[in-house]
Amino acid sequence: MTGRERSKTQIDREVKEKLGITKFDLITEGLSDDEKICVETSNGKRFLLRVSNISEYKRKKAIFDIMKKADNLGVPMCRPVDFGICNDGKNVYQLLTWCEGVNAESILSSLPEAEQYAVGKKAGEILQTIHSIPAPQDLDNWQERYFSQNDERIKAFSSCNLQIDGSDLLFKYIEKNKHLLNNRPQCLQHGDYHIGNLMIASGNDVSVIDWELLDFDNFADPWNEFSRIGLSEVRPYFTTGLIRGYFGGEHR
């Protein structure tokens, strides 16, 4: 019996009675180290059970608490249900509602262009709601936070032997425009907002999954989140809808 199978058996003993669980299905997709299990209860409801090493307790609890803030705003998502320790203190678990539908990455390109746009618009409206959760007031200025990392990257590039045509112009442009990031607003970031983490259900209802990149420092300039739009293949109708949905219309 593998370690994952042992954990699954232990979790079954600890939560089966509490939830009335009748079925477990191990989920193997995804890059996370978490053990992910689709559980079904006696009343036919399905949930996602995420199980992590106990060393992840602090971070996982922070994620769960931030997810509750998004849920309270009505964000369509894998809603947080329960959180705790299991497996004789070796693991921490999150119980989340199951998001029905098909992953947008696998179906979006096959939808008519108008539907791709509509899905993007809903995704933009959802992202705007997520971004309505403000950052802590004592957070450092975004300009300082951003360039504390970016300057190190530029320094590392400059010290290596790799040469890219026009890089000097790019660095001059960045230096000249640093002031544009001064006193920018900061808000909660989903952290991995792209079509691979969106589910599409009947009626093109959209829900957000995989909040696992949330952490204590996951607050930034709201527009920083748009850097992930093209993480996979660019879909112009979806992307146009997302931007218009986020900013409240075509002309804003």
C-alpha atoms as a PDB file:
ATOM      1  CA  MET A   1       0.000   0.000   0.000  1.00  0.00           C
ATOM      2  CA  THR A   2       1.450   3.401  -1.014  1.00  0.00           C
ATOM      3  CA  GLY A   3       1.703   6.437   1.236  1.00  0.00           C
ATOM      4  CA  ARG A   4      -1.139   8.113  -0.656  1.00  0.00           C
ATOM      5  CA  GLU A   5      -3.330   5.021  -0.206  1.00  0.00           C
ATOM      6  CA  ARG A   6      -2.547   4.864   3.507  1.00  0.00           C
ATOM      7  CA  SER A   7      -3.489   8.527   3.892  1.00  0.00           C
ATOM      8  CA  LYS A   8      -6.719   7.939   2.005  1.00  0.00           C
ATOM      9  CA  THR A   9      -7.660   5.053   4.311  1.00  0.00           C
ATOM     10  CA  GLN A  10      -6.867   7.097   7.420  1.00  0.00           C
ATOM     11  CA  ILE A  11      -8.881  10.070   6.200  1.00  0.00           C
ATOM     12  CA  ASP A  12     -11.766   7.774   5.406  1.00  0.00           C
ATOM     13  CA  ARG A  13     -11.891   6.662   9.061  1.00  0.00           C
ATOM     14  CA  GLU A  14     -11.749  10.220  10.384  1.00  0.00           C
ATOM     15  CA  VAL A  15     -14.274  11.970   8.151  1.00  0.00           C
ATOM     16  CA  LYS A  16     -16.607   9.263   6.853  1.00  0.00           C
ATOM     17  CA  GLU A  17     -18.974   9.397   9.821  1.00  0.00           C
ATOM     18  CA  LYS A  18     -18.880  13.197  10.017  1.00  0.00           C
ATOM     19  CA  LEU A  19     -19.842  13.725   6.365  1.00  0.00           C
ATOM     20  CA  GLY A  20     -21.714  10.528   5.588  1.00  0.00           C
ATOM     21  CA  ILE A  21     -19.190   9.681   2.896  1.00  0.00           C
ATOM     22  CA  THR A  22     -20.030   6.770   0.634  1.00  0.00           C
ATOM     23  CA  LYS A  23     -17.318   7.056  -2.022  1.00  0.00           C
ATOM     24  CA  PHE A  24     -13.719   8.244  -2.536  1.00  0.00           C
ATOM     25  CA  ASP A  25     -12.071   8.977  -5.878  1.00  0.00           C
ATOM     26  CA  LEU A  26      -8.419  10.004  -5.895  1.00  0.00           C
ATOM     27  CA  ILE A  27      -7.628  12.895  -8.263  1.00  0.00           C
ATOM     28  CA  THR A  28      -4.295  12.652 -10.040  1.00  0.00           C
ATOM     29  CA  GLU A  29      -4.468  15.807 -12.210  1.00  0.00           C
ATOM     30  CA  GLY A  30      -2.584  18.958 -11.265  1.00  0.00           C
ATOM     31  CA  LEU A  31       0.898  19.901 -10.127  1.00  0.00           C
ATOM     32  CA  SER A  32       0.235  20.335  -6.407  1.00  0.00           C
ATOM     33  CA  ASP A  33       1.817  18.025  -3.843  1.00  0.00           C
ATOM     34  CA  ASP A  34      -1.545  17.865  -2.066  1.00  0.00           C
ATOM     35  CA  GLU A  35      -3.498  14.654  -2.063  1.00  0.00           C
ATOM     36  CA  LYS A  36      -6.804  15.545  -3.738  1.00  0.00           C
ATOM     37  CA  ILE A  37      -9.855  13.370  -3.280  1.00  0.00           C
ATOM     38  CA  CYS A  38     -13.366  13.721  -4.662  1.00  0.00           C
ATOM     39  CA  VAL A  39     -15.694  12.519  -1.908  1.00  0.00           C
ATOM     40  CA  GLU A  40     -19.376  11.757  -2.293  1.00  0.00           C
ATOM     41  CA  THR A  41     -21.845  11.755   0.614  1.00  0.00           C
ATOM     42  CA  SER A  42     -24.940   9.686   1.202  1.00  0.00           C
ATOM     43  CA  ASN A  43     -27.175  12.522  -0.026  1.00  0.00           C
ATOM     44  CA  GLY A  44     -25.362  12.615  -3.370  1.00  0.00           C
ATOM     45  CA  LYS A  45     -23.312  15.754  -2.750  1.00  0.00           C
ATOM     46  CA  ARG A  46     -19.688  15.881  -3.824  1.00  0.00           C
ATOM     47  CA  PHE A  47     -16.796  17.701  -2.175  1.00  0.00           C
ATOM     48  CA  LEU A  48     -13.101  18.180  -2.815  1.00  0.00           C
ATOM     49  CA  LEU A  49     -10.845  17.061   0.024  1.00  0.00           C
ATOM     50  CA  ARG A  50      -7.291  18.464  -0.114  1.00  0.00           C
ATOM     51  CA  VAL A  51      -4.781  16.858   2.227  1.00  0.00           C
ATOM     52  CA  SER A  52      -1.339  18.325   2.950  1.00  0.00           C
ATOM     53  CA  ASN A  53       1.600  17.653   5.224  1.00  0.00           C
ATOM     54  CA  ILE A  54       1.164  19.151   8.701  1.00  0.00           C
ATOM     55  CA  SER A  55       4.158  21.417   7.987  1.00  0.00           C
ATOM     56  CA  GLU A  56       1.812  23.312   5.647  1.00  0.00           C
ATOM     57  CA  TYR A  57      -0.708  24.054   8.420  1.00  0.00           C
ATOM     58  CA  LYS A  58      -0.059  27.799   8.761  1.00  0.00           C
ATOM     59  CA  ARG A  59      -0.135  28.484   5.034  1.00  0.00           C
ATOM     60  CA  LYS A  60      -3.160  26.265   4.390  1.00  0.00           C
ATOM     61  CA  LYS A  61      -5.105  27.924   7.212  1.00  0.00           C
ATOM     62  CA  ALA A  62      -4.310  31.348   5.724  1.00  0.00           C
ATOM     63  CA  ILE A  63      -5.549  30.161   2.314  1.00  0.00           C
ATOM     64  CA  PHE A  64      -8.752  28.770   3.836  1.00  0.00           C
ATOM     65  CA  ASP A  65      -9.478  32.010   5.703  1.00  0.00           C
ATOM     66  CA  ILE A  66      -8.904  34.175   2.621  1.00  0.00           C
ATOM     67  CA  MET A  67     -11.136  31.883   0.574  1.00  0.00           C
ATOM     68  CA  LYS A  68     -13.899  32.483   3.126  1.00  0.00           C
ATOM     69  CA  LYS A  69     -13.623  36.228   2.477  1.00  0.00           C
ATOM     70  CA  ALA A  70     -14.095  35.653  -1.253  1.00  0.00           C
ATOM     71  CA  ASP A  71     -16.971  33.255  -0.609  1.00  0.00           C
ATOM     72  CA  ASN A  72     -18.703  35.847   1.583  1.00  0.00           C
ATOM     73  CA  LEU A  73     -18.701  38.208  -1.412  1.00  0.00           C
ATOM     74  CA  GLY A  74     -20.515  35.642  -3.532  1.00  0.00           C
ATOM     75  CA  VAL A  75     -17.581  34.626  -5.720  1.00  0.00           C
ATOM     76  CA  PRO A  76     -18.577  31.422  -7.575  1.00  0.00           C
ATOM     77  CA  MET A  77     -15.858  29.077  -6.418  1.00  0.00           C
ATOM     78  CA  CYS A  78     -14.904  25.877  -4.639  1.00  0.00           C
ATOM     79  CA  ARG A  79     -16.336  27.121  -1.353  1.00  0.00           C
ATOM     80  CA  PRO A  80     -14.518  26.462   1.934  1.00  0.00           C
ATOM     81  CA  VAL A  81     -16.506  24.081   4.152  1.00  0.00           C
ATOM     82  CA  ASP A  82     -14.193  22.614   6.802  1.00  0.00           C
ATOM     83  CA  PHE A  83     -10.571  22.705   7.896  1.00  0.00           C
ATOM     84  CA  GLY A  84      -8.653  20.595  10.368  1.00  0.00           C
ATOM     85  CA  ILE A  85      -5.930  18.121  11.295  1.00  0.00           C
ATOM     86  CA  CYS A  86      -6.128  14.402  10.563  1.00  0.00           C
ATOM     87  CA  ASN A  87      -4.060  11.223  10.280  1.00  0.00           C
ATOM     88  CA  ASP A  88      -2.827  11.337  13.888  1.00  0.00           C
ATOM     89  CA  GLY A  89      -1.572  14.893  13.476  1.00  0.00           C
ATOM     90  CA  LYS A  90       0.475  14.142  10.361  1.00  0.00           C
ATOM     91  CA  ASN A  91      -1.776  15.968   7.901  1.00  0.00           C
ATOM     92  CA  VAL A  92      -3.949  19.033   7.511  1.00  0.00           C
ATOM     93  CA  TYR A  93      -7.064  19.007   5.333  1.00  0.00           C
ATOM     94  CA  GLN A  94      -9.343  21.447   3.543  1.00  0.00           C
ATOM     95  CA  LEU A  95     -12.869  20.418   2.596  1.00  0.00           C
ATOM     96  CA  LEU A  96     -14.258  22.405  -0.344  1.00  0.00           C
ATOM     97  CA  THR A  97     -17.437  22.253  -2.373  1.00  0.00           C
ATOM     98  CA  TRP A  98     -17.154  20.537  -5.731  1.00  0.00           C
ATOM     99  CA  CYS A  99     -17.319  22.808  -8.803  1.00  0.00           C
ATOM    100  CA  GLU A 100     -19.422  21.166 -11.490  1.00  0.00           C
ATOM    101  CA  GLY A 101     -18.662  21.593 -15.174  1.00  0.00           C
ATOM    102  CA  VAL A 102     -15.743  21.274 -17.562  1.00  0.00           C
ATOM    103  CA  ASN A 103     -12.352  22.912 -17.266  1.00  0.00           C
ATOM    104  CA  ALA A 104     -12.287  25.988 -19.503  1.00  0.00           C
ATOM    105  CA  GLU A 105      -8.897  25.089 -20.931  1.00  0.00           C
ATOM    106  CA  SER A 106     -10.305  21.926 -22.492  1.00  0.00           C
ATOM    107  CA  ILE A 107     -13.528  23.359 -23.900  1.00  0.00           C
ATOM    108  CA  LEU A 108     -13.156  27.100 -24.512  1.00  0.00           C
ATOM    109  CA  SER A 109     -11.765  26.887 -28.059  1.00  0.00           C
ATOM    110  CA  SER A 110     -14.673  24.700 -29.163  1.00  0.00           C
ATOM    111  CA  LEU A 111     -17.298  27.228 -28.058  1.00  0.00           C
ATOM    112  CA  PRO A 112     -18.767  29.760 -30.500  1.00  0.00           C
ATOM    113  CA  GLU A 113     -16.946  33.094 -30.426  1.00  0.00           C
ATOM    114  CA  ALA A 114     -19.870  34.855 -28.739  1.00  0.00           C
ATOM    115  CA  GLU A 115     -19.854  32.277 -25.939  1.00  0.00           C
ATOM    116  CA  GLN A 116     -16.085  32.602 -25.501  1.00  0.00           C
ATOM    117  CA  TYR A 117     -16.619  36.332 -25.073  1.00  0.00           C
ATOM    118  CA  ALA A 118     -19.479  35.777 -22.589  1.00  0.00           C
ATOM    119  CA  VAL A 119     -17.361  33.390 -20.513  1.00  0.00           C
ATOM    120  CA  GLY A 120     -14.527  35.931 -20.492  1.00  0.00           C
ATOM    121  CA  LYS A 121     -16.888  38.702 -19.412  1.00  0.00           C
ATOM    122  CA  LYS A 122     -18.120  36.628 -16.472  1.00  0.00           C
ATOM    123  CA  ALA A 123     -14.527  35.777 -15.555  1.00  0.00           C
ATOM    124  CA  GLY A 124     -13.645  39.486 -15.587  1.00  0.00           C
ATOM    125  CA  GLU A 125     -16.582  40.366 -13.351  1.00  0.00           C
ATOM    126  CA  ILE A 126     -15.571  37.614 -10.932  1.00  0.00           C
ATOM    127  CA  LEU A 127     -11.980  38.863 -10.857  1.00  0.00           C
ATOM    128  CA  GLN A 128     -13.175  42.386 -10.121  1.00  0.00           C
ATOM    129  CA  THR A 129     -15.089  41.022  -7.112  1.00  0.00           C
ATOM    130  CA  ILE A 130     -12.009  39.167  -5.854  1.00  0.00           C
ATOM    131  CA  HIS A 131      -9.998  42.370  -6.193  1.00  0.00           C
ATOM    132  CA  SER A 132     -12.501  44.240  -4.035  1.00  0.00           C
ATOM    133  CA  ILE A 133     -10.852  42.610  -0.995  1.00  0.00           C
ATOM    134  CA  PRO A 134      -8.285  45.226   0.076  1.00  0.00           C
ATOM    135  CA  ALA A 135      -4.700  44.653   1.141  1.00  0.00           C
ATOM    136  CA  PRO A 136      -3.657  45.268   4.772  1.00  0.00           C
ATOM    137  CA  GLN A 137      -3.108  48.981   5.422  1.00  0.00           C
ATOM    138  CA  ASP A 138       0.432  48.445   6.699  1.00  0.00           C
ATOM    139  CA  LEU A 139       1.611  46.883   3.434  1.00  0.00           C
ATOM    140  CA  ASP A 140       4.639  48.543   1.816  1.00  0.00           C
ATOM    141  CA  ASN A 141       4.162  50.709  -1.266  1.00  0.00           C
ATOM    142  CA  TRP A 142       3.620  48.595  -4.393  1.00  0.00           C
ATOM    143  CA  GLN A 143       6.423  50.373  -6.244  1.00  0.00           C
ATOM    144  CA  GLU A 144       8.897  49.363  -3.539  1.00  0.00           C
ATOM    145  CA  ARG A 145       7.614  45.797  -3.355  1.00  0.00           C
ATOM    146  CA  TYR A 146       7.644  45.269  -7.110  1.00  0.00           C
ATOM    147  CA  PHE A 147      11.083  46.683  -7.778  1.00  0.00           C
ATOM    148  CA  SER A 148      12.675  44.984  -4.779  1.00  0.00           C
ATOM    149  CA  GLN A 149      12.269  41.799  -6.821  1.00  0.00           C
ATOM    150  CA  ASN A 150      12.504  43.210 -10.337  1.00  0.00           C
ATOM    151  CA  ASP A 151      15.754  45.082  -9.678  1.00  0.00           C
ATOM    152  CA  GLU A 152      17.347  41.839  -8.516  1.00  0.00           C
ATOM    153  CA  ARG A 153      16.268  40.131 -11.747  1.00  0.00           C
ATOM    154  CA  ILE A 154      17.716  42.962 -13.838  1.00  0.00           C
ATOM    155  CA  LYS A 155      20.946  42.828 -11.843  1.00  0.00           C
ATOM    156  CA  ALA A 156      21.220  39.067 -12.373  1.00  0.00           C
ATOM    157  CA  PHE A 157      20.601  39.444 -16.100  1.00  0.00           C
ATOM    158  CA  SER A 158      23.162  42.226 -16.421  1.00  0.00           C
ATOM    159  CA  SER A 159      25.821  40.131 -14.682  1.00  0.00           C
ATOM    160  CA  CYS A 160      25.415  37.096 -16.934  1.00  0.00           C
ATOM    161  CA  ASN A 161      26.832  36.646 -20.415  1.00  0.00           C
ATOM    162  CA  LEU A 162      23.472  36.452 -22.158  1.00  0.00           C
ATOM    163  CA  GLN A 163      22.829  39.343 -24.541  1.00  0.00           C
ATOM    164  CA  ILE A 164      19.445  40.261 -26.007  1.00  0.00           C
ATOM    165  CA  ASP A 165      19.124  42.943 -28.667  1.00  0.00           C
ATOM    166  CA  GLY A 166      17.298  45.974 -27.311  1.00  0.00           C
ATOM    167  CA  SER A 167      17.555  44.976 -23.653  1.00  0.00           C
ATOM    168  CA  ASP A 168      19.260  48.292 -22.836  1.00  0.00           C
ATOM    169  CA  LEU A 169      16.267  50.181 -24.241  1.00  0.00           C
ATOM    170  CA  LEU A 170      13.900  48.030 -22.199  1.00  0.00           C
ATOM    171  CA  PHE A 171      15.798  48.710 -18.973  1.00  0.00           C
ATOM    172  CA  LYS A 172      15.879  52.450 -19.694  1.00  0.00           C
ATOM    173  CA  TYR A 173      12.122  52.405 -20.259  1.00  0.00           C
ATOM    174  CA  ILE A 174      11.538  50.590 -16.960  1.00  0.00           C
ATOM    175  CA  GLU A 175      13.754  53.034 -15.068  1.00  0.00           C
ATOM    176  CA  LYS A 176      12.076  56.053 -16.661  1.00  0.00           C
ATOM    177  CA  ASN A 177       8.583  54.829 -15.767  1.00  0.00           C
ATOM    178  CA  LYS A 178       9.096  53.487 -12.249  1.00  0.00           C
ATOM    179  CA  HIS A 179       7.035  56.387 -10.912  1.00  0.00           C
ATOM    180  CA  LEU A 180       3.885  54.950 -12.522  1.00  0.00           C
ATOM    181  CA  LEU A 181       3.777  52.235  -9.856  1.00  0.00           C
ATOM    182  CA  ASN A 182       4.050  54.653  -6.944  1.00  0.00           C
ATOM    183  CA  ASN A 183       1.009  54.603  -4.638  1.00  0.00           C
ATOM    184  CA  ARG A 184      -0.874  52.140  -6.820  1.00  0.00           C
ATOM    185  CA  PRO A 185      -3.772  50.415  -5.014  1.00  0.00           C
ATOM    186  CA  GLN A 186      -3.217  46.888  -3.727  1.00  0.00           C
ATOM    187  CA  CYS A 187      -5.738  44.114  -3.240  1.00  0.00           C
ATOM    188  CA  LEU A 188      -6.137  40.371  -2.869  1.00  0.00           C
ATOM    189  CA  GLN A 189      -4.821  38.309  -5.797  1.00  0.00           C
ATOM    190  CA  HIS A 190      -6.114  34.868  -6.719  1.00  0.00           C
ATOM    191  CA  GLY A 191      -2.530  34.232  -7.747  1.00  0.00           C
ATOM    192  CA  ASP A 192      -3.171  31.865 -10.664  1.00  0.00           C
ATOM    193  CA  TYR A 193      -6.132  33.331 -12.553  1.00  0.00           C
ATOM    194  CA  HIS A 194      -6.258  31.797 -16.031  1.00  0.00           C
ATOM    195  CA  ILE A 195      -8.527  29.475 -18.018  1.00  0.00           C
ATOM    196  CA  GLY A 196      -6.947  26.359 -16.524  1.00  0.00           C
ATOM    197  CA  ASN A 197      -8.427  27.360 -13.159  1.00  0.00           C
ATOM    198  CA  LEU A 198     -11.916  28.186 -14.411  1.00  0.00           C
ATOM    199  CA  MET A 199     -14.789  25.711 -14.682  1.00  0.00           C
ATOM    200  CA  ILE A 200     -17.641  26.145 -17.164  1.00  0.00           C
ATOM    201  CA  ALA A 201     -21.006  24.613 -16.290  1.00  0.00           C
ATOM    202  CA  SER A 202     -24.365  24.618 -18.100  1.00  0.00           C
ATOM    203  CA  GLY A 203     -25.462  28.054 -19.219  1.00  0.00           C
ATOM    204  CA  ASN A 204     -21.788  29.037 -19.371  1.00  0.00           C
ATOM    205  CA  ASP A 205     -21.736  29.606 -15.620  1.00  0.00           C
ATOM    206  CA  VAL A 206     -18.150  30.167 -14.506  1.00  0.00           C
ATOM    207  CA  SER A 207     -16.534  29.169 -11.215  1.00  0.00           C
ATOM    208  CA  VAL A 208     -12.986  29.555  -9.911  1.00  0.00           C
ATOM    209  CA  ILE A 209     -10.866  26.678  -8.623  1.00  0.00           C
ATOM    210  CA  ASP A 210      -7.327  26.142  -7.303  1.00  0.00           C
ATOM    211  CA  TRP A 211      -6.670  28.956  -4.858  1.00  0.00           C
ATOM    212  CA  GLU A 212      -3.469  27.290  -3.707  1.00  0.00           C
ATOM    213  CA  LEU A 213      -1.138  30.151  -4.647  1.00  0.00           C
ATOM    214  CA  LEU A 214      -2.780  32.347  -2.035  1.00  0.00           C
ATOM    215  CA  ASP A 215      -0.554  33.163   0.912  1.00  0.00           C
ATOM    216  CA  PHE A 216       0.166  35.912   3.428  1.00  0.00           C
ATOM    217  CA  ASP A 217       1.854  38.080   0.767  1.00  0.00           C
ATOM    218  CA  ASN A 218      -0.690  37.550  -1.992  1.00  0.00           C
ATOM    219  CA  PHE A 219      -1.657  41.203  -2.240  1.00  0.00           C
ATOM    220  CA  ALA A 220      -0.555  43.337  -5.155  1.00  0.00           C
ATOM    221  CA  ASP A 221      -1.522  45.936  -7.741  1.00  0.00           C
ATOM    222  CA  PRO A 222      -4.818  44.596  -9.185  1.00  0.00           C
ATOM    223  CA  TRP A 223      -3.527  44.891 -12.745  1.00  0.00           C
ATOM    224  CA  ASN A 224      -0.622  42.601 -11.872  1.00  0.00           C
ATOM    225  CA  GLU A 225      -3.071  39.679 -12.072  1.00  0.00           C
ATOM    226  CA  PHE A 226      -3.520  40.254 -15.812  1.00  0.00           C
ATOM    227  CA  SER A 227       0.030  39.039 -16.451  1.00  0.00           C
ATOM    228  CA  ARG A 228      -1.348  35.478 -16.342  1.00  0.00           C
ATOM    229  CA  ILE A 229      -4.006  35.894 -19.037  1.00  0.00           C
ATOM    230  CA  GLY A 230      -1.701  34.505 -21.716  1.00  0.00           C
ATOM    231  CA  LEU A 231      -0.306  31.727 -19.536  1.00  0.00           C
ATOM    232  CA  SER A 232      -1.604  29.237 -22.063  1.00  0.00           C
ATOM    233  CA  GLU A 233      -2.775  29.810 -25.634  1.00  0.00           C
ATOM    234  CA  VAL A 234      -4.244  33.313 -26.062  1.00  0.00           C
ATOM    235  CA  ARG A 235      -7.993  33.324 -26.783  1.00  0.00           C
ATOM    236  CA  PRO A 236      -8.836  36.811 -28.131  1.00  0.00           C
ATOM    237  CA  TYR A 237     -12.614  36.656 -27.637  1.00  0.00           C
ATOM    238  CA  PHE A 238     -12.287  35.362 -24.075  1.00  0.00           C
ATOM    239  CA  THR A 239      -9.565  37.904 -23.273  1.00  0.00           C
ATOM    240  CA  THR A 240     -11.579  40.804 -24.699  1.00  0.00           C
ATOM    241  CA  GLY A 241     -14.582  39.741 -22.641  1.00  0.00           C
ATOM    242  CA  LEU A 242     -12.452  39.379 -19.516  1.00  0.00           C
ATOM    243  CA  ILE A 243     -11.021  42.891 -19.823  1.00  0.00           C
ATOM    244  CA  ARG A 244     -14.421  44.443 -20.554  1.00  0.00           C
ATOM    245  CA  GLY A 245     -16.060  42.488 -17.760  1.00  0.00           C
ATOM    246  CA  TYR A 246     -13.376  43.570 -15.310  1.00  0.00           C
ATOM    247  CA  PHE A 247     -13.462  47.255 -16.218  1.00  0.00           C
ATOM    248  CA  GLY A 248     -17.238  47.461 -16.520  1.00  0.00           C
ATOM    249  CA  GLY A 249     -17.759  47.900 -20.238  1.00  0.00           C
ATOM    250  CA  GLU A 250     -16.241  48.626 -23.600  1.00  0.00           C
ATOM    251  CA  HIS A 251     -15.471  52.309 -23.153  1.00  0.00           C
ATOM    252  CA  ARG A 252     -14.087  52.470 -19.625  1.00  0.00           C
END
